[in-house]
């Protein structure tokens, strides 16, 4: 018998008596797995920053770590935020069915800024999703092209420097040829 209080931590044991317990537990496990996986991946990205700092690799910080973190958090960080928001909202009190997070995430990319009342989690959701999609899209070119283009430019710069260095040393090496066939005396010397 329910006494009107909320279970303090974890899953209320009353769910074991519910008719939809399998559906509920599967949904809970899936969402909990997503949260743990996203936290683990975020930790891995943060640890990569320590490596980049240790090796003083500014190029990797700006063209790998920052775009990676931006892209990752704008999609998967937002998904974790939606999971916690969905868990903490009393859907019965607001007389609304909880929206499908999968459909919300898909429509975030397929129809940015468009939503229905049934898929709404919070006020301003469409604007936030539009900003997050833009952030994710802006992060892709630096992530994919930043380091290769910088390496290409650096390679070209080094090649030019080597060419200039060889040109600067070239007159010293070919000095006898500069004076003609007759050596240092020129045409008139014997």
Protein backbone atom coordinates (compact mmCIF):
# COMPACT_ATOMS: atom_id res chain seq x y z
CA UNK A 1 0.00 0.00 0.00
CA UNK A 2 1.35 3.41 -1.01
CA UNK A 3 1.53 6.02 1.75
CA UNK A 4 2.11 9.04 -0.52
CA UNK A 5 5.83 9.43 0.11
CA UNK A 6 8.58 9.18 -2.46
CA UNK A 7 11.29 6.57 -2.11
CA UNK A 8 14.46 8.46 -1.05
CA UNK A 9 17.03 6.85 -3.37
CA UNK A 10 16.96 4.27 -6.12
CA UNK A 11 13.93 2.56 -7.57
CA UNK A 12 10.80 2.27 -5.52
CA UNK A 13 10.18 -1.44 -4.72
CA UNK A 14 6.54 -0.95 -5.73
CA UNK A 15 7.70 -1.06 -9.35
CA UNK A 16 8.24 -4.81 -8.92
CA UNK A 17 4.47 -5.18 -8.54
CA UNK A 18 3.57 -3.01 -11.55
CA UNK A 19 2.20 -4.53 -14.73
CA UNK A 20 4.65 -2.54 -16.86
CA UNK A 21 7.71 -3.34 -14.72
CA UNK A 22 9.67 -4.94 -17.59
CA UNK A 23 9.19 -1.92 -19.82
CA UNK A 24 10.09 0.45 -16.98
CA UNK A 25 13.22 -1.44 -15.91
CA UNK A 26 14.48 -1.81 -19.49
CA UNK A 27 13.97 1.89 -20.11
CA UNK A 28 15.72 2.75 -16.85
CA UNK A 29 18.68 0.47 -17.59
CA UNK A 30 19.07 1.88 -21.08
CA UNK A 31 19.05 5.47 -19.84
CA UNK A 32 21.41 4.67 -16.95
CA UNK A 33 23.79 3.01 -19.42
CA UNK A 34 23.74 6.10 -21.61
CA UNK A 35 24.52 8.33 -18.62
CA UNK A 36 27.42 6.14 -17.49
CA UNK A 37 28.78 5.85 -21.04
CA UNK A 38 28.62 9.59 -21.65
CA UNK A 39 30.33 10.30 -18.33
CA UNK A 40 33.07 7.81 -19.17
CA UNK A 41 33.62 9.29 -22.63
CA UNK A 42 33.63 12.84 -21.21
CA UNK A 43 36.27 11.73 -18.70
CA UNK A 44 38.35 10.32 -21.55
CA UNK A 45 38.13 13.60 -23.46
CA UNK A 46 39.11 15.52 -20.32
CA UNK A 47 42.09 13.21 -19.77
CA UNK A 48 43.23 13.89 -23.33
CA UNK A 49 43.54 17.54 -22.31
CA UNK A 50 46.07 16.52 -19.65
CA UNK A 51 48.13 14.75 -22.34
CA UNK A 52 47.97 17.76 -24.65
CA UNK A 53 49.07 20.05 -21.81
CA UNK A 54 51.85 17.68 -20.75
CA UNK A 55 53.28 17.61 -24.28
CA UNK A 56 52.56 21.34 -24.78
CA UNK A 57 50.57 20.55 -27.92
CA UNK A 58 48.49 23.69 -28.43
CA UNK A 59 47.43 22.53 -31.87
CA UNK A 60 45.80 19.43 -30.35
CA UNK A 61 44.11 21.51 -27.65
CA UNK A 62 42.50 23.92 -30.10
CA UNK A 63 41.87 21.61 -33.03
CA UNK A 64 41.11 18.33 -31.27
CA UNK A 65 40.12 18.77 -27.62
CA UNK A 66 37.92 21.89 -27.92
CA UNK A 67 35.95 20.76 -31.01
CA UNK A 68 35.66 17.20 -29.63
CA UNK A 69 34.28 18.43 -26.32
CA UNK A 70 31.97 20.93 -28.03
CA UNK A 71 30.56 18.34 -30.42
CA UNK A 72 30.25 15.66 -27.74
CA UNK A 73 28.55 17.82 -25.12
CA UNK A 74 26.24 19.57 -27.56
CA UNK A 75 24.75 16.21 -28.54
CA UNK A 76 25.38 13.62 -25.85
CA UNK A 77 25.67 16.04 -22.93
CA UNK A 78 22.29 17.41 -23.96
CA UNK A 79 20.91 13.86 -24.12
CA UNK A 80 22.03 13.22 -20.53
CA UNK A 81 20.45 16.53 -19.50
CA UNK A 82 17.18 15.43 -21.12
CA UNK A 83 17.35 12.05 -19.35
CA UNK A 84 17.70 13.66 -15.93
CA UNK A 85 15.00 16.19 -16.75
CA UNK A 86 12.64 13.43 -17.86
CA UNK A 87 13.37 11.45 -14.69
CA UNK A 88 12.80 14.42 -12.42
CA UNK A 89 9.59 15.72 -14.00
CA UNK A 90 6.24 14.69 -12.55
CA UNK A 91 4.41 13.96 -15.80
CA UNK A 92 1.18 13.06 -14.02
CA UNK A 93 1.02 16.44 -12.30
CA UNK A 94 1.38 18.34 -15.57
CA UNK A 95 -1.03 15.95 -17.34
CA UNK A 96 1.33 15.23 -20.21
CA UNK A 97 2.87 12.08 -21.63
CA UNK A 98 6.67 12.07 -21.33
CA UNK A 99 8.27 12.65 -24.74
CA UNK A 100 10.43 10.07 -26.47
CA UNK A 101 14.04 11.17 -26.08
CA UNK A 102 15.10 9.24 -29.17
CA UNK A 103 12.54 11.08 -31.30
CA UNK A 104 13.53 14.38 -29.69
CA UNK A 105 17.21 13.80 -30.48
CA UNK A 106 16.47 12.75 -34.07
CA UNK A 107 14.17 15.71 -34.71
CA UNK A 108 16.82 18.00 -33.22
CA UNK A 109 18.88 17.33 -36.38
CA UNK A 110 16.16 16.54 -38.90
CA UNK A 111 13.90 19.50 -38.05
CA UNK A 112 15.86 21.93 -35.87
CA UNK A 113 13.75 24.49 -34.05
CA UNK A 114 10.50 22.61 -34.76
CA UNK A 115 8.66 20.81 -31.99
CA UNK A 116 5.20 19.65 -30.97
CA UNK A 117 3.65 20.06 -27.54
CA UNK A 118 3.91 16.30 -27.03
CA UNK A 119 7.67 16.37 -27.57
CA UNK A 120 8.32 19.41 -25.41
CA UNK A 121 10.43 18.87 -22.29
CA UNK A 122 10.91 22.49 -21.21
CA UNK A 123 10.28 26.07 -22.31
CA UNK A 124 12.83 27.34 -24.82
CA UNK A 125 13.77 23.83 -25.88
CA UNK A 126 13.62 24.62 -29.60
CA UNK A 127 16.02 27.58 -29.26
CA UNK A 128 18.51 25.61 -27.15
CA UNK A 129 18.43 22.71 -29.61
CA UNK A 130 19.07 25.07 -32.52
CA UNK A 131 22.09 26.55 -30.73
CA UNK A 132 23.41 23.07 -29.86
CA UNK A 133 23.06 21.83 -33.44
CA UNK A 134 24.90 24.91 -34.71
CA UNK A 135 27.66 24.35 -32.13
CA UNK A 136 28.00 20.71 -33.19
CA UNK A 137 28.17 21.65 -36.88
CA UNK A 138 30.71 24.42 -36.27
CA UNK A 139 32.92 21.98 -34.33
CA UNK A 140 33.18 19.47 -37.20
CA UNK A 141 35.45 21.36 -39.68
CA UNK A 142 38.16 22.22 -37.12
CA UNK A 143 38.01 18.68 -35.77
CA UNK A 144 38.43 17.05 -39.17
CA UNK A 145 40.52 19.63 -41.04
CA UNK A 146 42.34 21.71 -38.42
CA UNK A 147 45.37 19.58 -37.64
CA UNK A 148 45.89 18.27 -41.22
CA UNK A 149 45.73 21.77 -42.71
CA UNK A 150 48.11 23.17 -40.10
CA UNK A 151 50.51 20.28 -40.74
CA UNK A 152 50.32 20.96 -44.50
CA UNK A 153 51.03 24.68 -43.98
CA UNK A 154 53.91 23.90 -41.64
CA UNK A 155 55.35 21.42 -44.14
CA UNK A 156 55.17 24.03 -46.93
CA UNK A 157 56.82 26.62 -44.67
CA UNK A 158 59.66 24.23 -43.81
CA UNK A 159 60.11 23.33 -47.49
CA UNK A 160 60.36 27.03 -48.39
CA UNK A 161 62.86 27.63 -45.60
CA UNK A 162 65.01 24.74 -46.83
CA UNK A 163 64.86 26.12 -50.38
CA UNK A 164 65.87 29.60 -49.22
CA UNK A 165 68.66 28.12 -47.11
CA UNK A 166 69.97 26.20 -50.13
CA UNK A 167 69.77 29.33 -52.29
CA UNK A 168 71.66 31.33 -49.68
CA UNK A 169 74.48 28.77 -49.64
CA UNK A 170 74.50 28.19 -53.41
CA UNK A 171 76.75 31.19 -54.38
CA UNK A 172 79.44 30.09 -51.93
CA UNK A 173 79.55 26.58 -53.36
CA UNK A 174 79.64 27.65 -57.02
CA UNK A 175 82.13 30.51 -56.69
CA UNK A 176 84.75 29.14 -59.19
CA UNK A 177 82.10 28.95 -61.90
CA UNK A 178 81.23 32.59 -61.33
CA UNK A 179 84.69 33.71 -62.50
CA UNK A 180 84.53 31.89 -65.80
CA UNK A 181 86.51 29.06 -67.36
CA UNK A 182 89.90 30.60 -66.77
CA UNK A 183 89.81 30.60 -63.00
CA UNK A 184 90.37 33.72 -60.91
CA UNK A 185 92.48 35.51 -63.50
CA UNK A 186 89.66 36.05 -65.92
CA UNK A 187 90.32 36.28 -69.65
CA UNK A 188 93.47 38.34 -69.42
CA UNK A 189 95.35 36.43 -66.80
CA UNK A 190 98.11 33.93 -67.59
